């Protein structure tokens, strides 16, 4: 049985849309189209943080993720986890 091509449209070329398109385009029977309303891609000046598990997931579909992040000027951060607890009565 021949595999059928599945067409996928991704709306939005931001971080999530571009990452999803990059991951899906590697699957042979998928035809991926990315739709973006902006006429060109550009930096917005905003920073993002990637937790360790997000970096590991990124590494799964972009094996050179660490090198790409370093080339883009990524800076390792030391952070702590914060837990917020409301008073439990009863």
PDB file of N, CA and C in Angstrom:
ATOM      1  N   UNK A   1       0.839  -1.181   0.000  1.00  0.00           N
ATOM      2  CA  UNK A   1       0.000   0.000   0.000  1.00  0.00           C
ATOM      3  C   UNK A   1       0.881   1.240   0.000  1.00  0.00           C
ATOM      4  N   UNK A   2       0.715   2.083  -0.985  1.00  0.00           N
ATOM      5  CA  UNK A   2       1.508   3.308  -1.096  1.00  0.00           C
ATOM      6  C   UNK A   2       1.065   4.312  -0.042  1.00  0.00           C
ATOM      7  N   UNK A   3       2.043   5.042   0.493  1.00  0.00           N
ATOM      8  CA  UNK A   3       1.688   6.049   1.489  1.00  0.00           C
ATOM      9  C   UNK A   3       1.128   7.281   0.793  1.00  0.00           C
ATOM     10  N   UNK A   4       0.083   7.822   1.354  1.00  0.00           N
ATOM     11  CA  UNK A   4      -0.582   8.992   0.793  1.00  0.00           C
ATOM     12  C   UNK A   4       0.048  10.256   1.364  1.00  0.00           C
ATOM     13  N   UNK A   5       0.204  11.269   0.523  1.00  0.00           N
ATOM     14  CA  UNK A   5       0.753  12.542   0.993  1.00  0.00           C
ATOM     15  C   UNK A   5      -0.297  13.272   1.814  1.00  0.00           C
ATOM     16  N   UNK A   6       0.116  13.737   2.963  1.00  0.00           N
ATOM     17  CA  UNK A   6      -0.757  14.496   3.850  1.00  0.00           C
ATOM     18  C   UNK A   6      -0.314  15.950   3.790  1.00  0.00           C
ATOM     19  N   UNK A   7      -1.252  16.837   3.478  1.00  0.00           N
ATOM     20  CA  UNK A   7      -0.955  18.268   3.384  1.00  0.00           C
ATOM     21  C   UNK A   7      -1.262  18.931   4.719  1.00  0.00           C
ATOM     22  N   UNK A   8      -0.305  19.710   5.214  1.00  0.00           N
ATOM     23  CA  UNK A   8      -0.449  20.397   6.497  1.00  0.00           C
ATOM     24  C   UNK A   8      -0.171  21.874   6.296  1.00  0.00           C
ATOM     25  N   UNK A   9      -1.073  22.716   6.783  1.00  0.00           N
ATOM     26  CA  UNK A   9      -0.877  24.159   6.755  1.00  0.00           C
ATOM     27  C   UNK A   9      -0.645  24.664   8.164  1.00  0.00           C
ATOM     28  N   UNK A  10       0.396  25.427   8.361  1.00  0.00           N
ATOM     29  CA  UNK A  10       0.712  25.999   9.673  1.00  0.00           C
ATOM     30  C   UNK A  10       0.510  27.502   9.567  1.00  0.00           C
ATOM     31  N   UNK A  11      -0.346  28.027  10.419  1.00  0.00           N
ATOM     32  CA  UNK A  11      -0.650  29.453  10.413  1.00  0.00           C
ATOM     33  C   UNK A  11       0.231  30.140  11.452  1.00  0.00           C
ATOM     34  N   UNK A  12       1.105  31.015  10.996  1.00  0.00           N
ATOM     35  CA  UNK A  12       1.976  31.769  11.899  1.00  0.00           C
ATOM     36  C   UNK A  12       3.408  31.283  11.810  1.00  0.00           C
ATOM     37  N   UNK A  13       4.299  32.183  11.443  1.00  0.00           N
ATOM     38  CA  UNK A  13       5.711  31.840  11.297  1.00  0.00           C
ATOM     39  C   UNK A  13       6.559  32.267  12.472  1.00  0.00           C
ATOM     40  N   UNK A  14       5.942  32.373  13.637  1.00  0.00           N
ATOM     41  CA  UNK A  14       6.709  32.712  14.836  1.00  0.00           C
ATOM     42  C   UNK A  14       7.519  31.524  15.315  1.00  0.00           C
ATOM     43  N   UNK A  15       7.955  31.594  16.539  1.00  0.00           N
ATOM     44  CA  UNK A  15       8.800  30.545  17.106  1.00  0.00           C
ATOM     45  C   UNK A  15       8.129  29.169  17.028  1.00  0.00           C
ATOM     46  N   UNK A  16       6.889  29.086  17.449  1.00  0.00           N
ATOM     47  CA  UNK A  16       6.201  27.793  17.462  1.00  0.00           C
ATOM     48  C   UNK A  16       5.934  27.287  16.049  1.00  0.00           C
ATOM     49  N   UNK A  17       5.420  28.138  15.176  1.00  0.00           N
ATOM     50  CA  UNK A  17       5.111  27.724  13.816  1.00  0.00           C
ATOM     51  C   UNK A  17       6.342  27.298  13.037  1.00  0.00           C
ATOM     52  N   UNK A  18       7.401  28.080  13.131  1.00  0.00           N
ATOM     53  CA  UNK A  18       8.643  27.752  12.418  1.00  0.00           C
ATOM     54  C   UNK A  18       9.273  26.476  12.964  1.00  0.00           C
ATOM     55  N   UNK A  19       9.215  26.282  14.277  1.00  0.00           N
ATOM     56  CA  UNK A  19       9.756  25.054  14.879  1.00  0.00           C
ATOM     57  C   UNK A  19       8.968  23.833  14.440  1.00  0.00           C
ATOM     58  N   UNK A  20       7.644  23.960  14.444  1.00  0.00           N
ATOM     59  CA  UNK A  20       6.799  22.851  14.013  1.00  0.00           C
ATOM     60  C   UNK A  20       7.056  22.518  12.549  1.00  0.00           C
ATOM     61  N   UNK A  21       7.127  23.531  11.701  1.00  0.00           N
ATOM     62  CA  UNK A  21       7.389  23.303  10.276  1.00  0.00           C
ATOM     63  C   UNK A  21       8.735  22.620  10.080  1.00  0.00           C
ATOM     64  N   UNK A  22       9.737  23.058  10.815  1.00  0.00           N
ATOM     65  CA  UNK A  22      11.075  22.470  10.719  1.00  0.00           C
ATOM     66  C   UNK A  22      11.063  20.997  11.110  1.00  0.00           C
ATOM     67  N   UNK A  23      10.279  20.654  12.107  1.00  0.00           N
ATOM     68  CA  UNK A  23      10.201  19.256  12.543  1.00  0.00           C
ATOM     69  C   UNK A  23       9.421  18.409  11.544  1.00  0.00           C
ATOM     70  N   UNK A  24       8.291  18.924  11.043  1.00  0.00           N
ATOM     71  CA  UNK A  24       7.428  18.133  10.173  1.00  0.00           C
ATOM     72  C   UNK A  24       7.970  17.968   8.760  1.00  0.00           C
ATOM     73  N   UNK A  25       8.728  18.928   8.269  1.00  0.00           N
ATOM     74  CA  UNK A  25       9.221  18.872   6.893  1.00  0.00           C
ATOM     75  C   UNK A  25      10.154  17.671   6.681  1.00  0.00           C
ATOM     76  N   UNK A  26      10.653  17.100   7.736  1.00  0.00           N
ATOM     77  CA  UNK A  26      11.552  15.949   7.645  1.00  0.00           C
ATOM     78  C   UNK A  26      10.812  14.625   7.446  1.00  0.00           C
ATOM     79  N   UNK A  27       9.490  14.641   7.591  1.00  0.00           N
ATOM     80  CA  UNK A  27       8.697  13.417   7.434  1.00  0.00           C
ATOM     81  C   UNK A  27       8.314  13.292   5.962  1.00  0.00           C
ATOM     82  N   UNK A  28       8.723  12.205   5.312  1.00  0.00           N
ATOM     83  CA  UNK A  28       8.600  12.100   3.852  1.00  0.00           C
ATOM     84  C   UNK A  28       7.190  12.259   3.279  1.00  0.00           C
ATOM     85  N   UNK A  29       6.164  11.740   3.913  1.00  0.00           N
ATOM     86  CA  UNK A  29       4.831  11.791   3.293  1.00  0.00           C
ATOM     87  C   UNK A  29       4.022  13.023   3.714  1.00  0.00           C
ATOM     88  N   UNK A  30       4.677  14.019   4.296  1.00  0.00           N
ATOM     89  CA  UNK A  30       3.992  15.257   4.664  1.00  0.00           C
ATOM     90  C   UNK A  30       4.389  16.384   3.725  1.00  0.00           C
ATOM     91  N   UNK A  31       3.411  17.158   3.297  1.00  0.00           N
ATOM     92  CA  UNK A  31       3.652  18.379   2.538  1.00  0.00           C
ATOM     93  C   UNK A  31       3.286  19.530   3.467  1.00  0.00           C
ATOM     94  N   UNK A  32       4.274  20.295   3.876  1.00  0.00           N
ATOM     95  CA  UNK A  32       4.080  21.332   4.891  1.00  0.00           C
ATOM     96  C   UNK A  32       4.170  22.712   4.251  1.00  0.00           C
ATOM     97  N   UNK A  33       3.174  23.548   4.542  1.00  0.00           N
ATOM     98  CA  UNK A  33       3.192  24.941   4.115  1.00  0.00           C
ATOM     99  C   UNK A  33       3.038  25.821   5.345  1.00  0.00           C
ATOM    100  N   UNK A  34       3.866  26.841   5.419  1.00  0.00           N
ATOM    101  CA  UNK A  34       3.855  27.786   6.532  1.00  0.00           C
ATOM    102  C   UNK A  34       3.315  29.116   6.019  1.00  0.00           C
ATOM    103  N   UNK A  35       2.269  29.612   6.673  1.00  0.00           N
ATOM    104  CA  UNK A  35       1.637  30.866   6.274  1.00  0.00           C
ATOM    105  C   UNK A  35       1.926  31.934   7.320  1.00  0.00           C
ATOM    106  N   UNK A  36       2.425  33.086   6.859  1.00  0.00           N
ATOM    107  CA  UNK A  36       2.761  34.196   7.748  1.00  0.00           C
ATOM    108  C   UNK A  36       2.274  35.482   7.103  1.00  0.00           C
ATOM    109  N   UNK A  37       1.623  36.347   7.881  1.00  0.00           N
ATOM    110  CA  UNK A  37       1.086  37.592   7.324  1.00  0.00           C
ATOM    111  C   UNK A  37       2.156  38.668   7.148  1.00  0.00           C
ATOM    112  N   UNK A  38       3.230  38.593   7.912  1.00  0.00           N
ATOM    113  CA  UNK A  38       4.299  39.577   7.780  1.00  0.00           C
ATOM    114  C   UNK A  38       5.048  39.351   6.467  1.00  0.00           C
ATOM    115  N   UNK A  39       5.392  40.423   5.751  1.00  0.00           N
ATOM    116  CA  UNK A  39       6.071  40.243   4.469  1.00  0.00           C
ATOM    117  C   UNK A  39       7.491  39.694   4.575  1.00  0.00           C
ATOM    118  N   UNK A  40       8.108  39.806   5.743  1.00  0.00           N
ATOM    119  CA  UNK A  40       9.462  39.285   5.910  1.00  0.00           C
ATOM    120  C   UNK A  40       9.675  38.860   7.358  1.00  0.00           C
ATOM    121  N   UNK A  41      10.586  37.917   7.548  1.00  0.00           N
ATOM    122  CA  UNK A  41      10.944  37.490   8.892  1.00  0.00           C
ATOM    123  C   UNK A  41      11.938  38.498   9.459  1.00  0.00           C
ATOM    124  N   UNK A  42      11.801  38.785  10.748  1.00  0.00           N
ATOM    125  CA  UNK A  42      12.723  39.727  11.376  1.00  0.00           C
ATOM    126  C   UNK A  42      12.807  39.429  12.860  1.00  0.00           C
ATOM    127  N   UNK A  43      13.842  39.966  13.476  1.00  0.00           N
ATOM    128  CA  UNK A  43      13.994  39.854  14.924  1.00  0.00           C
ATOM    129  C   UNK A  43      13.095  40.889  15.579  1.00  0.00           C
ATOM    130  N   UNK A  44      12.474  40.510  16.659  1.00  0.00           N
ATOM    131  CA  UNK A  44      11.589  41.439  17.372  1.00  0.00           C
ATOM    132  C   UNK A  44      12.252  42.003  18.623  1.00  0.00           C
ATOM    133  N   UNK A  45      13.423  41.524  18.966  1.00  0.00           N
ATOM    134  CA  UNK A  45      14.117  42.029  20.129  1.00  0.00           C
ATOM    135  C   UNK A  45      13.693  41.376  21.432  1.00  0.00           C
ATOM    136  N   UNK A  46      12.789  40.446  21.355  1.00  0.00           N
ATOM    137  CA  UNK A  46      12.325  39.779  22.567  1.00  0.00           C
ATOM    138  C   UNK A  46      13.213  38.578  22.872  1.00  0.00           C
ATOM    139  N   UNK A  47      13.415  38.330  24.131  1.00  0.00           N
ATOM    140  CA  UNK A  47      14.189  37.164  24.541  1.00  0.00           C
ATOM    141  C   UNK A  47      13.230  36.057  24.951  1.00  0.00           C
ATOM    142  N   UNK A  48      13.680  34.843  24.795  1.00  0.00           N
ATOM    143  CA  UNK A  48      12.901  33.701  25.265  1.00  0.00           C
ATOM    144  C   UNK A  48      13.792  32.855  26.154  1.00  0.00           C
ATOM    145  N   UNK A  49      13.174  32.119  27.019  1.00  0.00           N
ATOM    146  CA  UNK A  49      13.901  31.192  27.875  1.00  0.00           C
ATOM    147  C   UNK A  49      13.505  29.771  27.530  1.00  0.00           C
ATOM    148  N   UNK A  50      14.473  28.905  27.441  1.00  0.00           N
ATOM    149  CA  UNK A  50      14.202  27.496  27.176  1.00  0.00           C
ATOM    150  C   UNK A  50      14.654  26.679  28.375  1.00  0.00           C
ATOM    151  N   UNK A  51      13.697  26.034  29.026  1.00  0.00           N
ATOM    152  CA  UNK A  51      14.017  25.165  30.150  1.00  0.00           C
ATOM    153  C   UNK A  51      14.805  23.960  29.634  1.00  0.00           C
ATOM    154  N   UNK A  52      15.429  23.242  30.546  1.00  0.00           N
ATOM    155  CA  UNK A  52      16.261  22.100  30.158  1.00  0.00           C
ATOM    156  C   UNK A  52      15.479  21.081  29.340  1.00  0.00           C
ATOM    157  N   UNK A  53      14.236  20.790  29.740  1.00  0.00           N
ATOM    158  CA  UNK A  53      13.458  19.798  28.986  1.00  0.00           C
ATOM    159  C   UNK A  53      13.078  20.324  27.604  1.00  0.00           C
ATOM    160  N   UNK A  54      12.872  21.626  27.455  1.00  0.00           N
ATOM    161  CA  UNK A  54      12.590  22.209  26.138  1.00  0.00           C
ATOM    162  C   UNK A  54      13.827  22.137  25.251  1.00  0.00           C
ATOM    163  N   UNK A  55      14.993  22.341  25.823  1.00  0.00           N
ATOM    164  CA  UNK A  55      16.233  22.228  25.064  1.00  0.00           C
ATOM    165  C   UNK A  55      16.456  20.794  24.608  1.00  0.00           C
ATOM    166  N   UNK A  56      16.122  19.829  25.456  1.00  0.00           N
ATOM    167  CA  UNK A  56      16.255  18.421  25.080  1.00  0.00           C
ATOM    168  C   UNK A  56      15.294  18.066  23.957  1.00  0.00           C
ATOM    169  N   UNK A  57      14.074  18.589  24.021  1.00  0.00           N
ATOM    170  CA  UNK A  57      13.102  18.335  22.951  1.00  0.00           C
ATOM    171  C   UNK A  57      13.580  18.968  21.648  1.00  0.00           C
ATOM    172  N   UNK A  58      14.103  20.184  21.711  1.00  0.00           N
ATOM    173  CA  UNK A  58      14.629  20.863  20.536  1.00  0.00           C
ATOM    174  C   UNK A  58      15.767  20.058  19.910  1.00  0.00           C
ATOM    175  N   UNK A  59      16.599  19.497  20.752  1.00  0.00           N
ATOM    176  CA  UNK A  59      17.729  18.680  20.297  1.00  0.00           C
ATOM    177  C   UNK A  59      17.250  17.438  19.539  1.00  0.00           C
ATOM    178  N   UNK A  60      16.046  16.942  19.854  1.00  0.00           N
ATOM    179  CA  UNK A  60      15.518  15.755  19.186  1.00  0.00           C
ATOM    180  C   UNK A  60      15.235  16.006  17.709  1.00  0.00           C
ATOM    181  N   UNK A  61      14.688  17.182  17.366  1.00  0.00           N
ATOM    182  CA  UNK A  61      14.392  17.405  15.960  1.00  0.00           C
ATOM    183  C   UNK A  61      15.352  18.366  15.270  1.00  0.00           C
ATOM    184  N   UNK A  62      16.259  18.970  16.030  1.00  0.00           N
ATOM    185  CA  UNK A  62      17.352  19.739  15.427  1.00  0.00           C
ATOM    186  C   UNK A  62      18.634  19.320  16.150  1.00  0.00           C
ATOM    187  N   UNK A  63      19.300  18.285  15.635  1.00  0.00           N
ATOM    188  CA  UNK A  63      20.483  17.763  16.336  1.00  0.00           C
ATOM    189  C   UNK A  63      21.560  18.808  16.619  1.00  0.00           C
ATOM    190  N   UNK A  64      21.653  19.849  15.805  1.00  0.00           N
ATOM    191  CA  UNK A  64      22.682  20.873  16.018  1.00  0.00           C
ATOM    192  C   UNK A  64      22.155  22.046  16.847  1.00  0.00           C
ATOM    193  N   UNK A  65      21.096  21.827  17.628  1.00  0.00           N
ATOM    194  CA  UNK A  65      20.447  22.908  18.381  1.00  0.00           C
ATOM    195  C   UNK A  65      21.414  23.657  19.296  1.00  0.00           C
ATOM    196  N   UNK A  66      22.271  22.940  20.013  1.00  0.00           N
ATOM    197  CA  UNK A  66      23.201  23.617  20.928  1.00  0.00           C
ATOM    198  C   UNK A  66      24.123  24.572  20.180  1.00  0.00           C
ATOM    199  N   UNK A  67      24.636  24.110  19.052  1.00  0.00           N
ATOM    200  CA  UNK A  67      25.527  24.952  18.263  1.00  0.00           C
ATOM    201  C   UNK A  67      24.778  26.154  17.679  1.00  0.00           C
ATOM    202  N   UNK A  68      23.552  25.931  17.209  1.00  0.00           N
ATOM    203  CA  UNK A  68      22.755  27.026  16.658  1.00  0.00           C
ATOM    204  C   UNK A  68      22.428  28.063  17.721  1.00  0.00           C
ATOM    205  N   UNK A  69      22.065  27.603  18.925  1.00  0.00           N
ATOM    206  CA  UNK A  69      21.768  28.534  20.014  1.00  0.00           C
ATOM    207  C   UNK A  69      23.001  29.340  20.392  1.00  0.00           C
ATOM    208  N   UNK A  70      24.151  28.669  20.447  1.00  0.00           N
ATOM    209  CA  UNK A  70      25.397  29.372  20.785  1.00  0.00           C
ATOM    210  C   UNK A  70      25.729  30.411  19.712  1.00  0.00           C
ATOM    211  N   UNK A  71      25.556  30.048  18.439  1.00  0.00           N
ATOM    212  CA  UNK A  71      25.841  30.983  17.349  1.00  0.00           C
ATOM    213  C   UNK A  71      24.900  32.183  17.371  1.00  0.00           C
ATOM    214  N   UNK A  72      23.681  31.974  17.897  1.00  0.00           N
ATOM    215  CA  UNK A  72      22.705  33.059  17.977  1.00  0.00           C
ATOM    216  C   UNK A  72      22.922  33.941  19.209  1.00  0.00           C
ATOM    217  N   UNK A  73      23.909  33.578  20.029  1.00  0.00           N
ATOM    218  CA  UNK A  73      24.206  34.388  21.200  1.00  0.00           C
ATOM    219  C   UNK A  73      23.468  33.968  22.454  1.00  0.00           C
ATOM    220  N   UNK A  74      22.999  32.728  22.486  1.00  0.00           N
ATOM    221  CA  UNK A  74      22.291  32.238  23.672  1.00  0.00           C
ATOM    222  C   UNK A  74      23.214  32.270  24.891  1.00  0.00           C
ATOM    223  N   UNK A  75      22.641  32.623  26.005  1.00  0.00           N
ATOM    224  CA  UNK A  75      23.400  32.740  27.254  1.00  0.00           C
ATOM    225  C   UNK A  75      22.811  31.780  28.279  1.00  0.00           C
ATOM    226  N   UNK A  76      23.619  30.845  28.801  1.00  0.00           N
ATOM    227  CA  UNK A  76      23.110  29.947  29.841  1.00  0.00           C
ATOM    228  C   UNK A  76      22.742  30.736  31.095  1.00  0.00           C
ATOM    229  N   UNK A  77      21.627  30.390  31.689  1.00  0.00           N
ATOM    230  CA  UNK A  77      21.162  31.086  32.884  1.00  0.00           C
ATOM    231  C   UNK A  77      21.110  30.113  34.055  1.00  0.00           C
ATOM    232  N   UNK A  78      21.443  30.611  35.204  1.00  0.00           N
ATOM    233  CA  UNK A  78      21.280  29.849  36.433  1.00  0.00           C
ATOM    234  C   UNK A  78      19.983  30.341  37.069  1.00  0.00           C
ATOM    235  N   UNK A  79      19.043  29.445  37.236  1.00  0.00           N
ATOM    236  CA  UNK A  79      17.764  29.873  37.804  1.00  0.00           C
ATOM    237  C   UNK A  79      17.321  28.893  38.868  1.00  0.00           C
ATOM    238  N   UNK A  80      16.339  29.303  39.610  1.00  0.00           N
ATOM    239  CA  UNK A  80      15.775  28.429  40.626  1.00  0.00           C
ATOM    240  C   UNK A  80      14.290  28.285  40.366  1.00  0.00           C
ATOM    241  N   UNK A  81      13.741  27.220  40.840  1.00  0.00           N
ATOM    242  CA  UNK A  81      12.308  27.014  40.683  1.00  0.00           C
ATOM    243  C   UNK A  81      11.565  27.697  41.817  1.00  0.00           C
ATOM    244  N   UNK A  82      10.436  28.246  41.474  1.00  0.00           N
ATOM    245  CA  UNK A  82       9.614  28.927  42.467  1.00  0.00           C
ATOM    246  C   UNK A  82       8.302  28.164  42.587  1.00  0.00           C
ATOM    247  N   UNK A  83       7.896  27.899  43.815  1.00  0.00           N
ATOM    248  CA  UNK A  83       6.625  27.253  44.056  1.00  0.00           C
ATOM    249  C   UNK A  83       5.714  28.231  44.786  1.00  0.00           C
ATOM    250  N   UNK A  84       4.517  28.372  44.290  1.00  0.00           N
ATOM    251  CA  UNK A  84       3.546  29.238  44.936  1.00  0.00           C
ATOM    252  C   UNK A  84       2.451  28.339  45.495  1.00  0.00           C
ATOM    253  N   UNK A  85       2.197  28.455  46.763  1.00  0.00           N
ATOM    254  CA  UNK A  85       1.201  27.609  47.406  1.00  0.00           C
ATOM    255  C   UNK A  85       0.167  28.494  48.076  1.00  0.00           C
ATOM    256  N   UNK A  86      -1.086  28.193  47.840  1.00  0.00           N
ATOM    257  CA  UNK A  86      -2.134  28.929  48.554  1.00  0.00           C
ATOM    258  C   UNK A  86      -2.484  28.128  49.803  1.00  0.00           C
ATOM    259  N   UNK A  87      -3.019  28.804  50.770  1.00  0.00           N
ATOM    260  CA  UNK A  87      -3.362  28.160  52.035  1.00  0.00           C
ATOM    261  C   UNK A  87      -4.455  27.127  51.818  1.00  0.00           C
ATOM    262  N   UNK A  88      -4.209  25.939  52.292  1.00  0.00           N
ATOM    263  CA  UNK A  88      -5.180  24.858  52.169  1.00  0.00           C
ATOM    264  C   UNK A  88      -5.884  24.701  53.521  1.00  0.00           C
ATOM    265  N   UNK A  89      -7.183  24.797  53.504  1.00  0.00           N
ATOM    266  CA  UNK A  89      -7.938  24.635  54.750  1.00  0.00           C
ATOM    267  C   UNK A  89      -8.722  23.344  54.695  1.00  0.00           C
ATOM    268  N   UNK A  90      -9.052  22.834  55.868  1.00  0.00           N
ATOM    269  CA  UNK A  90      -9.902  21.661  55.867  1.00  0.00           C
ATOM    270  C   UNK A  90      -9.498  20.615  56.759  1.00  0.00           C
TER     271      UNK A  90
END
